[in-house]
Amino acid sequence: MAKTIKEKNQLECNKRAREKYAKEKTTSIAIRFMHNTEADLLEYLNSMPNKAGYIKSLIRADMERH
């Protein structure tokens, strides 16, 4: 079903709002894993249902130790 112009404008407006919020309130950090030397790390991380939560919990635990 084709979207009306009004629906398309609303979708674009929502997209801009999400992007603005993400830019102002969040930071993204990327990490790369070497397939041949860090496959175990990648496999373990991929087994976590909430990767971001797991990484944040590790950082918080490390902060408490130091």
N, C-alpha and C. Protein backbone atom coordinates (compact mmCIF):
# COMPACT_ATOMS: atom_id res chain seq x y z
N MET A 1 0.85 -1.19 0.00
CA MET A 1 0.00 0.00 0.00
C MET A 1 0.89 1.25 0.00
N ALA A 2 0.63 2.16 -0.87
CA ALA A 2 1.40 3.39 -0.98
C ALA A 2 1.10 4.31 0.20
N LYS A 3 2.13 4.96 0.67
CA LYS A 3 1.96 5.89 1.78
C LYS A 3 1.60 7.27 1.22
N THR A 4 0.78 7.96 1.98
CA THR A 4 0.42 9.30 1.57
C THR A 4 1.60 10.23 1.83
N ILE A 5 1.54 11.40 1.26
CA ILE A 5 2.60 12.39 1.48
C ILE A 5 2.68 12.74 2.96
N LYS A 6 1.53 12.85 3.60
CA LYS A 6 1.51 13.18 5.03
C LYS A 6 2.21 12.09 5.84
N GLU A 7 1.95 10.83 5.52
CA GLU A 7 2.60 9.72 6.23
C GLU A 7 4.10 9.72 5.99
N LYS A 8 4.51 9.99 4.76
CA LYS A 8 5.94 10.04 4.45
C LYS A 8 6.62 11.17 5.20
N ASN A 9 5.96 12.33 5.26
CA ASN A 9 6.51 13.47 5.99
C ASN A 9 6.64 13.15 7.47
N GLN A 10 5.64 12.46 8.03
CA GLN A 10 5.68 12.10 9.45
C GLN A 10 6.81 11.12 9.72
N LEU A 11 6.99 10.15 8.83
CA LEU A 11 8.08 9.19 8.98
C LEU A 11 9.43 9.89 8.94
N GLU A 12 9.59 10.82 8.01
CA GLU A 12 10.84 11.56 7.90
C GLU A 12 11.07 12.43 9.13
N CYS A 13 10.03 13.04 9.64
CA CYS A 13 10.12 13.86 10.84
C CYS A 13 10.54 13.00 12.04
N ASN A 14 9.94 11.82 12.17
CA ASN A 14 10.29 10.90 13.25
C ASN A 14 11.75 10.47 13.14
N LYS A 15 12.19 10.19 11.93
CA LYS A 15 13.57 9.77 11.70
C LYS A 15 14.54 10.88 12.12
N ARG A 16 14.24 12.10 11.72
CA ARG A 16 15.10 13.24 12.10
C ARG A 16 15.14 13.41 13.61
N ALA A 17 14.00 13.23 14.27
CA ALA A 17 13.94 13.38 15.73
C ALA A 17 14.79 12.30 16.41
N ARG A 18 14.69 11.05 15.93
CA ARG A 18 15.50 9.96 16.50
C ARG A 18 16.99 10.23 16.30
N GLU A 19 17.36 10.69 15.11
CA GLU A 19 18.76 10.98 14.82
C GLU A 19 19.28 12.12 15.68
N LYS A 20 18.46 13.15 15.87
CA LYS A 20 18.85 14.29 16.70
C LYS A 20 19.05 13.85 18.14
N TYR A 21 18.12 13.04 18.65
CA TYR A 21 18.23 12.54 20.02
C TYR A 21 19.51 11.71 20.17
N ALA A 22 19.75 10.81 19.23
CA ALA A 22 20.93 9.95 19.30
C ALA A 22 22.21 10.78 19.27
N LYS A 23 22.25 11.80 18.43
CA LYS A 23 23.44 12.64 18.32
C LYS A 23 23.69 13.42 19.61
N GLU A 24 22.62 13.92 20.23
CA GLU A 24 22.77 14.74 21.43
C GLU A 24 22.96 13.93 22.71
N LYS A 25 22.39 12.74 22.78
CA LYS A 25 22.33 12.01 24.05
C LYS A 25 23.16 10.74 24.12
N THR A 26 23.70 10.27 23.00
CA THR A 26 24.40 8.99 23.01
C THR A 26 25.75 9.09 22.31
N THR A 27 26.58 8.11 22.59
CA THR A 27 27.87 7.95 21.93
C THR A 27 27.99 6.51 21.49
N SER A 28 28.42 6.29 20.28
CA SER A 28 28.65 4.94 19.78
C SER A 28 30.14 4.67 19.75
N ILE A 29 30.50 3.46 20.17
CA ILE A 29 31.90 3.04 20.14
C ILE A 29 31.95 1.70 19.43
N ALA A 30 32.83 1.57 18.48
CA ALA A 30 32.97 0.32 17.73
C ALA A 30 34.24 -0.41 18.17
N ILE A 31 34.18 -1.72 18.12
CA ILE A 31 35.35 -2.54 18.43
C ILE A 31 35.47 -3.61 17.35
N ARG A 32 36.70 -3.90 16.97
CA ARG A 32 36.95 -4.92 15.95
C ARG A 32 37.65 -6.11 16.61
N PHE A 33 37.31 -7.29 16.14
CA PHE A 33 37.94 -8.51 16.60
C PHE A 33 38.63 -9.19 15.43
N MET A 34 39.83 -9.69 15.67
CA MET A 34 40.56 -10.45 14.66
C MET A 34 39.99 -11.86 14.65
N HIS A 35 39.58 -12.34 13.49
CA HIS A 35 38.96 -13.66 13.38
C HIS A 35 39.91 -14.77 13.81
N ASN A 36 41.19 -14.63 13.47
CA ASN A 36 42.12 -15.73 13.74
C ASN A 36 42.68 -15.73 15.15
N THR A 37 42.78 -14.59 15.81
CA THR A 37 43.40 -14.55 17.14
C THR A 37 42.41 -14.24 18.26
N GLU A 38 41.25 -13.74 17.94
CA GLU A 38 40.29 -13.36 18.98
C GLU A 38 38.92 -13.99 18.77
N ALA A 39 38.90 -15.09 18.06
CA ALA A 39 37.63 -15.76 17.77
C ALA A 39 36.91 -16.18 19.04
N ASP A 40 37.67 -16.59 20.06
CA ASP A 40 37.05 -17.00 21.32
C ASP A 40 36.33 -15.84 21.99
N LEU A 41 36.92 -14.66 21.94
CA LEU A 41 36.28 -13.48 22.52
C LEU A 41 35.00 -13.13 21.78
N LEU A 42 35.08 -13.16 20.48
CA LEU A 42 33.92 -12.84 19.65
C LEU A 42 32.80 -13.84 19.87
N GLU A 43 33.15 -15.11 19.93
CA GLU A 43 32.13 -16.15 20.14
C GLU A 43 31.46 -15.96 21.50
N TYR A 44 32.26 -15.67 22.52
CA TYR A 44 31.70 -15.48 23.86
C TYR A 44 30.79 -14.25 23.89
N LEU A 45 31.25 -13.15 23.32
CA LEU A 45 30.43 -11.94 23.31
C LEU A 45 29.14 -12.16 22.54
N ASN A 46 29.22 -12.87 21.44
CA ASN A 46 28.01 -13.16 20.65
C ASN A 46 27.02 -14.04 21.39
N SER A 47 27.48 -14.76 22.41
CA SER A 47 26.57 -15.59 23.19
C SER A 47 25.77 -14.78 24.20
N MET A 48 26.17 -13.54 24.42
CA MET A 48 25.48 -12.68 25.39
C MET A 48 24.22 -12.10 24.75
N PRO A 49 23.07 -12.21 25.46
CA PRO A 49 21.84 -11.66 24.89
C PRO A 49 21.84 -10.12 24.84
N ASN A 50 22.58 -9.49 25.76
CA ASN A 50 22.65 -8.03 25.81
C ASN A 50 24.12 -7.64 25.82
N LYS A 51 24.69 -7.49 24.65
CA LYS A 51 26.12 -7.22 24.54
C LYS A 51 26.50 -5.89 25.19
N ALA A 52 25.73 -4.86 24.94
CA ALA A 52 26.05 -3.54 25.52
C ALA A 52 25.98 -3.60 27.04
N GLY A 53 24.94 -4.23 27.56
CA GLY A 53 24.80 -4.36 29.02
C GLY A 53 25.95 -5.14 29.63
N TYR A 54 26.37 -6.20 28.96
CA TYR A 54 27.48 -7.01 29.45
C TYR A 54 28.77 -6.19 29.48
N ILE A 55 29.06 -5.48 28.42
CA ILE A 55 30.28 -4.67 28.36
C ILE A 55 30.24 -3.57 29.41
N LYS A 56 29.09 -2.92 29.57
CA LYS A 56 28.96 -1.87 30.58
C LYS A 56 29.17 -2.42 31.98
N SER A 57 28.65 -3.63 32.25
CA SER A 57 28.83 -4.22 33.58
C SER A 57 30.30 -4.53 33.84
N LEU A 58 31.03 -4.98 32.82
CA LEU A 58 32.46 -5.22 32.98
C LEU A 58 33.21 -3.93 33.29
N ILE A 59 32.86 -2.87 32.60
CA ILE A 59 33.52 -1.57 32.84
C ILE A 59 33.21 -1.07 34.24
N ARG A 60 31.94 -1.17 34.67
CA ARG A 60 31.58 -0.72 36.02
C ARG A 60 32.32 -1.53 37.08
N ALA A 61 32.41 -2.83 36.90
CA ALA A 61 33.13 -3.68 37.86
C ALA A 61 34.60 -3.28 37.92
N ASP A 62 35.20 -2.99 36.78
CA ASP A 62 36.59 -2.57 36.74
C ASP A 62 36.77 -1.21 37.41
N MET A 63 35.82 -0.32 37.22
CA MET A 63 35.89 1.01 37.85
C MET A 63 35.84 0.87 39.37
N GLU A 64 35.03 -0.05 39.88
CA GLU A 64 34.93 -0.24 41.33
C GLU A 64 36.22 -0.79 41.92
N ARG A 65 36.94 -1.60 41.14
CA ARG A 65 38.19 -2.18 41.62
C ARG A 65 39.33 -1.16 41.64
N HIS A 66 39.22 -0.11 40.86
CA HIS A 66 40.32 0.86 40.77
C HIS A 66 39.96 2.14 41.43
